[in-house]
């Protein structure tokens, strides 16, 4: 087994074209590909945004409003009766 780490650029259509040097003998081989965006590469990402992936599949929530409501309910439950 041989592990290679290569850098490439993902094309606008999302494809990856790799030419990988190998000193392995001709014949069948298993190839495992792990794609990891570079941390400093912040130009247009080749991956769909979370909004694009989840659009229409999860409820639209306002987490800040929900947290505020939960805190108000908690504070109200902690009030002492007069």
C-alpha atoms as a PDB file:
ATOM      1  CA  UNK A   1       0.000   0.000   0.000  1.00  0.00           C
ATOM      2  CA  UNK A   2       1.198   3.493  -0.783  1.00  0.00           C
ATOM      3  CA  UNK A   3      -0.241   6.737   0.585  1.00  0.00           C
ATOM      4  CA  UNK A   4       0.068   9.924  -1.469  1.00  0.00           C
ATOM      5  CA  UNK A   5      -0.869  13.462  -0.507  1.00  0.00           C
ATOM      6  CA  UNK A   6      -1.530  15.697  -3.497  1.00  0.00           C
ATOM      7  CA  UNK A   7      -2.896  19.186  -4.023  1.00  0.00           C
ATOM      8  CA  UNK A   8      -5.210  19.985  -6.868  1.00  0.00           C
ATOM      9  CA  UNK A   9      -7.807  22.502  -7.946  1.00  0.00           C
ATOM     10  CA  UNK A  10     -11.438  21.516  -8.215  1.00  0.00           C
ATOM     11  CA  UNK A  11     -12.934  22.645 -11.514  1.00  0.00           C
ATOM     12  CA  UNK A  12     -15.981  24.966 -11.570  1.00  0.00           C
ATOM     13  CA  UNK A  13     -18.159  21.976 -12.513  1.00  0.00           C
ATOM     14  CA  UNK A  14     -17.008  20.184  -9.328  1.00  0.00           C
ATOM     15  CA  UNK A  15     -14.797  17.598 -11.021  1.00  0.00           C
ATOM     16  CA  UNK A  16     -11.300  16.618  -9.962  1.00  0.00           C
ATOM     17  CA  UNK A  17      -8.750  15.544 -12.543  1.00  0.00           C
ATOM     18  CA  UNK A  18      -5.727  13.759 -11.069  1.00  0.00           C
ATOM     19  CA  UNK A  19      -2.663  12.218 -12.626  1.00  0.00           C
ATOM     20  CA  UNK A  20      -1.031  10.163  -9.927  1.00  0.00           C
ATOM     21  CA  UNK A  21       2.487   8.840 -10.308  1.00  0.00           C
ATOM     22  CA  UNK A  22       2.835   5.260  -9.205  1.00  0.00           C
ATOM     23  CA  UNK A  23       5.666   2.783  -9.055  1.00  0.00           C
ATOM     24  CA  UNK A  24       3.187  -0.033  -8.496  1.00  0.00           C
ATOM     25  CA  UNK A  25       3.055  -2.921 -10.950  1.00  0.00           C
ATOM     26  CA  UNK A  26       0.321  -3.039 -13.600  1.00  0.00           C
ATOM     27  CA  UNK A  27      -2.908  -4.700 -12.472  1.00  0.00           C
ATOM     28  CA  UNK A  28      -5.912  -4.153 -10.283  1.00  0.00           C
ATOM     29  CA  UNK A  29      -5.629  -1.740  -7.370  1.00  0.00           C
ATOM     30  CA  UNK A  30      -7.965  -0.143  -4.871  1.00  0.00           C
ATOM     31  CA  UNK A  31      -7.899   3.658  -4.730  1.00  0.00           C
ATOM     32  CA  UNK A  32      -9.280   5.624  -1.768  1.00  0.00           C
ATOM     33  CA  UNK A  33      -9.882   9.351  -2.252  1.00  0.00           C
ATOM     34  CA  UNK A  34     -10.369  11.805   0.617  1.00  0.00           C
ATOM     35  CA  UNK A  35     -11.253  15.361  -0.406  1.00  0.00           C
ATOM     36  CA  UNK A  36     -10.599  18.048   2.182  1.00  0.00           C
ATOM     37  CA  UNK A  37     -10.871  21.769   1.390  1.00  0.00           C
ATOM     38  CA  UNK A  38      -7.818  23.767   2.411  1.00  0.00           C
ATOM     39  CA  UNK A  39      -8.409  26.030   5.405  1.00  0.00           C
ATOM     40  CA  UNK A  40      -6.887  29.060   3.697  1.00  0.00           C
ATOM     41  CA  UNK A  41      -8.713  28.588   0.383  1.00  0.00           C
ATOM     42  CA  UNK A  42     -11.737  30.850   0.861  1.00  0.00           C
ATOM     43  CA  UNK A  43     -12.503  31.678  -2.742  1.00  0.00           C
ATOM     44  CA  UNK A  44     -15.716  30.211  -4.075  1.00  0.00           C
ATOM     45  CA  UNK A  45     -15.978  26.794  -2.426  1.00  0.00           C
ATOM     46  CA  UNK A  46     -16.726  23.823  -4.678  1.00  0.00           C
ATOM     47  CA  UNK A  47     -19.219  22.444  -2.162  1.00  0.00           C
ATOM     48  CA  UNK A  48     -22.849  23.422  -1.754  1.00  0.00           C
ATOM     49  CA  UNK A  49     -23.477  25.716   1.157  1.00  0.00           C
ATOM     50  CA  UNK A  50     -25.386  24.339   4.118  1.00  0.00           C
ATOM     51  CA  UNK A  51     -28.333  26.466   3.078  1.00  0.00           C
ATOM     52  CA  UNK A  52     -28.334  24.886  -0.376  1.00  0.00           C
ATOM     53  CA  UNK A  53     -28.088  21.349   0.935  1.00  0.00           C
ATOM     54  CA  UNK A  54     -30.785  21.712   3.598  1.00  0.00           C
ATOM     55  CA  UNK A  55     -33.117  24.169   1.864  1.00  0.00           C
ATOM     56  CA  UNK A  56     -36.705  22.994   2.275  1.00  0.00           C
ATOM     57  CA  UNK A  57     -35.687  19.956   4.340  1.00  0.00           C
ATOM     58  CA  UNK A  58     -35.525  21.410   7.849  1.00  0.00           C
ATOM     59  CA  UNK A  59     -37.834  23.873   9.566  1.00  0.00           C
ATOM     60  CA  UNK A  60     -36.863  27.524   9.467  1.00  0.00           C
ATOM     61  CA  UNK A  61     -36.098  28.432  13.087  1.00  0.00           C
ATOM     62  CA  UNK A  62     -34.793  31.486  14.867  1.00  0.00           C
ATOM     63  CA  UNK A  63     -32.447  30.026  17.469  1.00  0.00           C
ATOM     64  CA  UNK A  64     -31.961  33.369  19.235  1.00  0.00           C
ATOM     65  CA  UNK A  65     -35.726  33.813  19.698  1.00  0.00           C
ATOM     66  CA  UNK A  66     -36.109  30.217  20.873  1.00  0.00           C
ATOM     67  CA  UNK A  67     -33.306  30.619  23.430  1.00  0.00           C
ATOM     68  CA  UNK A  68     -34.788  33.896  24.664  1.00  0.00           C
ATOM     69  CA  UNK A  69     -38.188  32.238  25.111  1.00  0.00           C
ATOM     70  CA  UNK A  70     -36.631  29.294  26.975  1.00  0.00           C
ATOM     71  CA  UNK A  71     -34.755  31.663  29.298  1.00  0.00           C
ATOM     72  CA  UNK A  72     -37.923  33.647  30.017  1.00  0.00           C
ATOM     73  CA  UNK A  73     -39.810  30.437  30.867  1.00  0.00           C
ATOM     74  CA  UNK A  74     -36.979  29.305  33.121  1.00  0.00           C
ATOM     75  CA  UNK A  75     -36.794  32.680  34.896  1.00  0.00           C
ATOM     76  CA  UNK A  76     -40.574  32.666  35.360  1.00  0.00           C
ATOM     77  CA  UNK A  77     -40.442  29.186  36.873  1.00  0.00           C
ATOM     78  CA  UNK A  78     -37.817  30.376  39.352  1.00  0.00           C
ATOM     79  CA  UNK A  79     -39.917  33.309  40.627  1.00  0.00           C
ATOM     80  CA  UNK A  80     -41.147  33.003  44.189  1.00  0.00           C
ATOM     81  CA  UNK A  81     -44.882  33.369  44.752  1.00  0.00           C
ATOM     82  CA  UNK A  82     -45.875  36.633  46.433  1.00  0.00           C
END
